[in-house]
C-alpha atoms as a PDB file:
ATOM      1  CA  MET A   1      -8.135  44.563  -1.559  1.00  0.00           C
ATOM      2  CA  ARG A   2      -6.005  41.688  -2.751  1.00  0.00           C
ATOM      3  CA  ASP A   3      -5.021  39.011  -0.248  1.00  0.00           C
ATOM      4  CA  ILE A   4      -1.379  38.240   0.444  1.00  0.00           C
ATOM      5  CA  ARG A   5      -0.545  34.696  -0.636  1.00  0.00           C
ATOM      6  CA  VAL A   6       1.265  32.611   1.968  1.00  0.00           C
ATOM      7  CA  ILE A   7       3.862  29.891   1.876  1.00  0.00           C
ATOM      8  CA  GLY A   8       2.406  26.749   0.332  1.00  0.00           C
ATOM      9  CA  ASP A   9       0.697  28.643  -2.495  1.00  0.00           C
ATOM     10  CA  PRO A  10       2.275  27.454  -5.784  1.00  0.00           C
ATOM     11  CA  VAL A  11       2.355  30.997  -7.246  1.00  0.00           C
ATOM     12  CA  LEU A  12       5.106  31.836  -4.737  1.00  0.00           C
ATOM     13  CA  ARG A  13       7.306  29.055  -6.126  1.00  0.00           C
ATOM     14  CA  THR A  14       6.735  29.780  -9.812  1.00  0.00           C
ATOM     15  CA  PRO A  15       8.994  32.181 -11.741  1.00  0.00           C
ATOM     16  CA  ALA A  16       6.937  35.214 -12.796  1.00  0.00           C
ATOM     17  CA  GLU A  17       6.352  36.246 -16.399  1.00  0.00           C
ATOM     18  CA  SER A  18       7.617  39.492 -17.918  1.00  0.00           C
ATOM     19  CA  VAL A  19       5.185  42.376 -18.186  1.00  0.00           C
ATOM     20  CA  THR A  20       4.469  43.204 -21.825  1.00  0.00           C
ATOM     21  CA  ASP A  21       1.591  45.680 -21.608  1.00  0.00           C
ATOM     22  CA  PHE A  22       2.156  49.053 -19.967  1.00  0.00           C
ATOM     23  CA  ASP A  23      -1.508  49.946 -19.851  1.00  0.00           C
ATOM     24  CA  ARG A  24      -4.261  51.036 -17.489  1.00  0.00           C
ATOM     25  CA  ASP A  25      -4.507  47.522 -16.033  1.00  0.00           C
ATOM     26  CA  LEU A  26      -0.833  47.630 -15.041  1.00  0.00           C
ATOM     27  CA  ARG A  27      -1.251  51.029 -13.399  1.00  0.00           C
ATOM     28  CA  ARG A  28      -4.291  49.747 -11.487  1.00  0.00           C
ATOM     29  CA  LEU A  29      -2.353  46.639 -10.412  1.00  0.00           C
ATOM     30  CA  ILE A  30       0.528  48.742  -9.078  1.00  0.00           C
ATOM     31  CA  ASP A  31      -1.928  50.879  -7.091  1.00  0.00           C
ATOM     32  CA  GLU A  32      -3.541  47.711  -5.680  1.00  0.00           C
ATOM     33  CA  MET A  33      -0.128  46.367  -4.742  1.00  0.00           C
ATOM     34  CA  PHE A  34       0.715  49.524  -2.798  1.00  0.00           C
ATOM     35  CA  ALA A  35      -2.652  49.305  -1.008  1.00  0.00           C
ATOM     36  CA  ALA A  36      -2.082  45.640  -0.089  1.00  0.00           C
ATOM     37  CA  MET A  37       1.484  46.343   1.066  1.00  0.00           C
ATOM     38  CA  TYR A  38       0.396  49.230   3.304  1.00  0.00           C
ATOM     39  CA  ALA A  39      -2.560  47.266   4.700  1.00  0.00           C
ATOM     40  CA  ALA A  40      -0.171  44.472   5.677  1.00  0.00           C
ATOM     41  CA  GLN A  41       2.385  46.970   7.035  1.00  0.00           C
ATOM     42  CA  GLY A  42       5.087  45.781   4.663  1.00  0.00           C
ATOM     43  CA  VAL A  43       7.958  47.637   3.006  1.00  0.00           C
ATOM     44  CA  GLY A  44       7.873  45.746  -0.285  1.00  0.00           C
ATOM     45  CA  LEU A  45       5.540  43.508  -2.248  1.00  0.00           C
ATOM     46  CA  ALA A  46       6.015  41.476  -5.434  1.00  0.00           C
ATOM     47  CA  GLY A  47       3.335  40.475  -7.940  1.00  0.00           C
ATOM     48  CA  PRO A  48       3.308  36.770  -6.990  1.00  0.00           C
ATOM     49  CA  GLN A  49       2.558  37.705  -3.383  1.00  0.00           C
ATOM     50  CA  ILE A  50      -0.918  38.805  -4.447  1.00  0.00           C
ATOM     51  CA  GLY A  51      -1.337  35.921  -6.887  1.00  0.00           C
ATOM     52  CA  VAL A  52      -0.220  37.799 -10.007  1.00  0.00           C
ATOM     53  CA  SER A  53       2.615  35.986 -11.751  1.00  0.00           C
ATOM     54  CA  LYS A  54       4.102  39.141 -13.278  1.00  0.00           C
ATOM     55  CA  ARG A  55       7.615  40.552 -12.854  1.00  0.00           C
ATOM     56  CA  LEU A  56       7.024  43.689 -10.834  1.00  0.00           C
ATOM     57  CA  PHE A  57       7.346  44.910  -7.286  1.00  0.00           C
ATOM     58  CA  VAL A  58       6.514  47.961  -5.199  1.00  0.00           C
ATOM     59  CA  TYR A  59       8.434  49.329  -2.244  1.00  0.00           C
ATOM     60  CA  ASP A  60       8.337  52.009   0.442  1.00  0.00           C
ATOM     61  CA  CYS A  61      11.543  51.553   2.361  1.00  0.00           C
ATOM     62  CA  SER A  62      14.364  53.703   3.745  1.00  0.00           C
ATOM     63  CA  ASN A  63      12.565  56.923   2.772  1.00  0.00           C
ATOM     64  CA  ARG A  64      12.334  55.749  -0.846  1.00  0.00           C
ATOM     65  CA  LYS A  65       9.069  54.783  -2.510  1.00  0.00           C
ATOM     66  CA  GLY A  66       8.552  53.354  -5.956  1.00  0.00           C
ATOM     67  CA  HIS A  67       7.927  50.404  -8.194  1.00  0.00           C
ATOM     68  CA  VAL A  68       9.921  48.494 -10.785  1.00  0.00           C
ATOM     69  CA  VAL A  69       8.483  46.534 -13.691  1.00  0.00           C
ATOM     70  CA  ASN A  70      10.601  43.741 -15.207  1.00  0.00           C
ATOM     71  CA  PRO A  71      13.445  44.394 -12.757  1.00  0.00           C
ATOM     72  CA  VAL A  72      16.969  43.188 -13.351  1.00  0.00           C
ATOM     73  CA  LEU A  73      19.070  43.129 -10.200  1.00  0.00           C
ATOM     74  CA  THR A  74      22.853  43.542 -10.290  1.00  0.00           C
ATOM     75  CA  VAL A  75      25.062  43.091  -7.236  1.00  0.00           C
ATOM     76  CA  ASP A  76      27.402  46.075  -6.854  1.00  0.00           C
ATOM     77  CA  ASP A  77      28.909  45.114  -3.499  1.00  0.00           C
ATOM     78  CA  PRO A  78      28.908  41.358  -2.818  1.00  0.00           C
ATOM     79  CA  ALA A  79      30.026  41.731   0.811  1.00  0.00           C
ATOM     80  CA  GLU A  80      27.605  39.598   2.815  1.00  0.00           C
ATOM     81  CA  VAL A  81      25.373  41.407   5.286  1.00  0.00           C
ATOM     82  CA  LEU A  82      23.545  39.221   7.789  1.00  0.00           C
ATOM     83  CA  ASP A  83      20.444  40.894   9.212  1.00  0.00           C
ATOM     84  CA  GLU A  84      16.888  40.169  10.309  1.00  0.00           C
ATOM     85  CA  GLU A  85      14.456  39.619   7.452  1.00  0.00           C
ATOM     86  CA  GLY A  86      10.823  38.596   7.323  1.00  0.00           C
ATOM     87  CA  CYS A  87       8.156  38.199   4.670  1.00  0.00           C
ATOM     88  CA  LEU A  88       4.444  38.923   4.471  1.00  0.00           C
ATOM     89  CA  SER A  89       4.088  35.544   2.722  1.00  0.00           C
ATOM     90  CA  VAL A  90       5.770  33.676   5.592  1.00  0.00           C
ATOM     91  CA  PRO A  91       3.519  34.411   8.580  1.00  0.00           C
ATOM     92  CA  GLY A  92       3.621  32.707  11.925  1.00  0.00           C
ATOM     93  CA  ARG A  93       0.881  30.143  12.464  1.00  0.00           C
ATOM     94  CA  GLU A  94      -0.116  31.653  15.811  1.00  0.00           C
ATOM     95  CA  THR A  95       0.560  35.359  15.255  1.00  0.00           C
ATOM     96  CA  GLY A  96      -0.155  35.826  11.552  1.00  0.00           C
ATOM     97  CA  THR A  97       2.773  38.232  11.428  1.00  0.00           C
ATOM     98  CA  PRO A  98       6.040  37.685   9.543  1.00  0.00           C
ATOM     99  CA  ILE A  99       8.632  35.380  11.051  1.00  0.00           C
ATOM    100  CA  TYR A 100      12.084  36.975  11.103  1.00  0.00           C
ATOM    101  CA  ALA A 101      15.444  35.283  10.663  1.00  0.00           C
ATOM    102  CA  ARG A 102      18.992  36.490  10.084  1.00  0.00           C
ATOM    103  CA  THR A 103      19.306  36.257   6.307  1.00  0.00           C
ATOM    104  CA  PRO A 104      22.445  36.848   4.224  1.00  0.00           C
ATOM    105  CA  ARG A 105      22.218  39.467   1.460  1.00  0.00           C
ATOM    106  CA  ALA A 106      24.657  41.480  -0.647  1.00  0.00           C
ATOM    107  CA  ALA A 107      25.583  44.909   0.741  1.00  0.00           C
ATOM    108  CA  GLY A 108      24.829  46.879  -2.418  1.00  0.00           C
ATOM    109  CA  VAL A 109      22.718  46.386  -5.538  1.00  0.00           C
ATOM    110  CA  THR A 110      21.326  48.197  -8.540  1.00  0.00           C
ATOM    111  CA  VAL A 111      17.867  47.496  -9.935  1.00  0.00           C
ATOM    112  CA  GLU A 112      17.023  48.434 -13.508  1.00  0.00           C
ATOM    113  CA  GLY A 113      13.647  48.089 -15.155  1.00  0.00           C
ATOM    114  CA  PHE A 114      10.691  50.247 -16.084  1.00  0.00           C
ATOM    115  CA  ASP A 115       8.053  52.378 -14.429  1.00  0.00           C
ATOM    116  CA  ARG A 116       4.289  52.055 -14.929  1.00  0.00           C
ATOM    117  CA  LEU A 117       4.483  53.996 -18.195  1.00  0.00           C
ATOM    118  CA  GLY A 118       7.332  51.959 -19.659  1.00  0.00           C
ATOM    119  CA  ARG A 119      10.037  54.541 -18.931  1.00  0.00           C
ATOM    120  CA  PRO A 120      13.424  53.180 -17.813  1.00  0.00           C
ATOM    121  CA  VAL A 121      14.268  53.321 -14.110  1.00  0.00           C
ATOM    122  CA  ARG A 122      17.528  52.627 -12.342  1.00  0.00           C
ATOM    123  CA  VAL A 123      17.933  52.627  -8.557  1.00  0.00           C
ATOM    124  CA  ARG A 124      21.137  51.965  -6.609  1.00  0.00           C
ATOM    125  CA  ALA A 125      20.681  50.756  -3.064  1.00  0.00           C
ATOM    126  CA  ARG A 126      22.528  49.827   0.092  1.00  0.00           C
ATOM    127  CA  GLY A 127      21.326  48.790   3.520  1.00  0.00           C
ATOM    128  CA  LEU A 128      17.658  47.986   4.056  1.00  0.00           C
ATOM    129  CA  LEU A 129      16.658  49.129   0.562  1.00  0.00           C
ATOM    130  CA  ALA A 130      19.221  46.768  -1.013  1.00  0.00           C
ATOM    131  CA  ARG A 131      17.823  43.955   1.138  1.00  0.00           C
ATOM    132  CA  CYS A 132      14.287  44.855   0.051  1.00  0.00           C
ATOM    133  CA  PHE A 133      15.220  44.815  -3.661  1.00  0.00           C
ATOM    134  CA  GLN A 134      16.923  41.425  -3.320  1.00  0.00           C
ATOM    135  CA  HIS A 135      13.983  40.007  -1.358  1.00  0.00           C
ATOM    136  CA  GLU A 136      11.375  41.184  -3.883  1.00  0.00           C
ATOM    137  CA  SER A 137      13.496  40.099  -6.859  1.00  0.00           C
ATOM    138  CA  ASP A 138      13.729  36.618  -5.322  1.00  0.00           C
ATOM    139  CA  HIS A 139       9.917  36.451  -5.247  1.00  0.00           C
ATOM    140  CA  LEU A 140       9.893  37.009  -9.004  1.00  0.00           C
ATOM    141  CA  ASP A 141      12.126  33.958  -9.414  1.00  0.00           C
ATOM    142  CA  GLY A 142       9.973  31.724  -7.194  1.00  0.00           C
ATOM    143  CA  MET A 143      12.232  32.023  -4.150  1.00  0.00           C
ATOM    144  CA  LEU A 144      11.501  32.900  -0.533  1.00  0.00           C
ATOM    145  CA  TYR A 145      13.942  34.250   2.021  1.00  0.00           C
ATOM    146  CA  VAL A 146      13.903  30.891   3.816  1.00  0.00           C
ATOM    147  CA  ASP A 147      15.662  29.429   0.755  1.00  0.00           C
ATOM    148  CA  ARG A 148      18.690  31.569   1.637  1.00  0.00           C
ATOM    149  CA  LEU A 149      18.881  30.375   5.243  1.00  0.00           C
ATOM    150  CA  PRO A 150      21.021  27.544   6.579  1.00  0.00           C
ATOM    151  CA  LYS A 151      18.959  24.327   6.762  1.00  0.00           C
ATOM    152  CA  ASP A 152      18.462  24.442  10.535  1.00  0.00           C
ATOM    153  CA  ALA A 153      17.334  28.077  10.492  1.00  0.00           C
ATOM    154  CA  ALA A 154      14.981  27.445   7.556  1.00  0.00           C
ATOM    155  CA  ARG A 155      13.472  24.459   9.328  1.00  0.00           C
ATOM    156  CA  LYS A 156      12.918  26.520  12.479  1.00  0.00           C
ATOM    157  CA  VAL A 157      11.014  29.163  10.467  1.00  0.00           C
ATOM    158  CA  LEU A 158       9.001  26.633   8.468  1.00  0.00           C
ATOM    159  CA  LEU A 159       7.868  24.811  11.610  1.00  0.00           C
ATOM    160  CA  GLN A 160       6.169  28.054  12.716  1.00  0.00           C
ATOM    161  CA  THR A 161       4.192  28.603   9.491  1.00  0.00           C
ATOM    162  CA  PRO A 162       0.605  27.503   8.824  1.00  0.00           C
END
């Protein structure tokens, strides 16, 4: 089982590299990512969160389950939705569980990329799934949800982390 990397680990702040090989190793990695996500009781997990600087994420959110390799996110509905958001990589120092904060996200997005075999995938999302896609896509660019918070709110979260 791969460990979830936590805030302070440089891999979380480094833009991930594109996946070029759609092989058995990629399929194994995706399976390991699902296992790590479920073990941590998450709804999404990006490659950098398990120390793999590759552009891919897995999700099981809003009755939709899947993965996207080399995702490209497009905002379909830019209306800002402010809702609670947490991250497996931003755990509380005392609880070890994600710290939640009201985080602004776009109301609707589309993610395009590839599946584990290199076939094109395209998923439109609203609500929690749209939030999940934006959150995981940020990880691939070296961003964390705290980067989207107002300074005071970000500071409050960061003071609770290890």
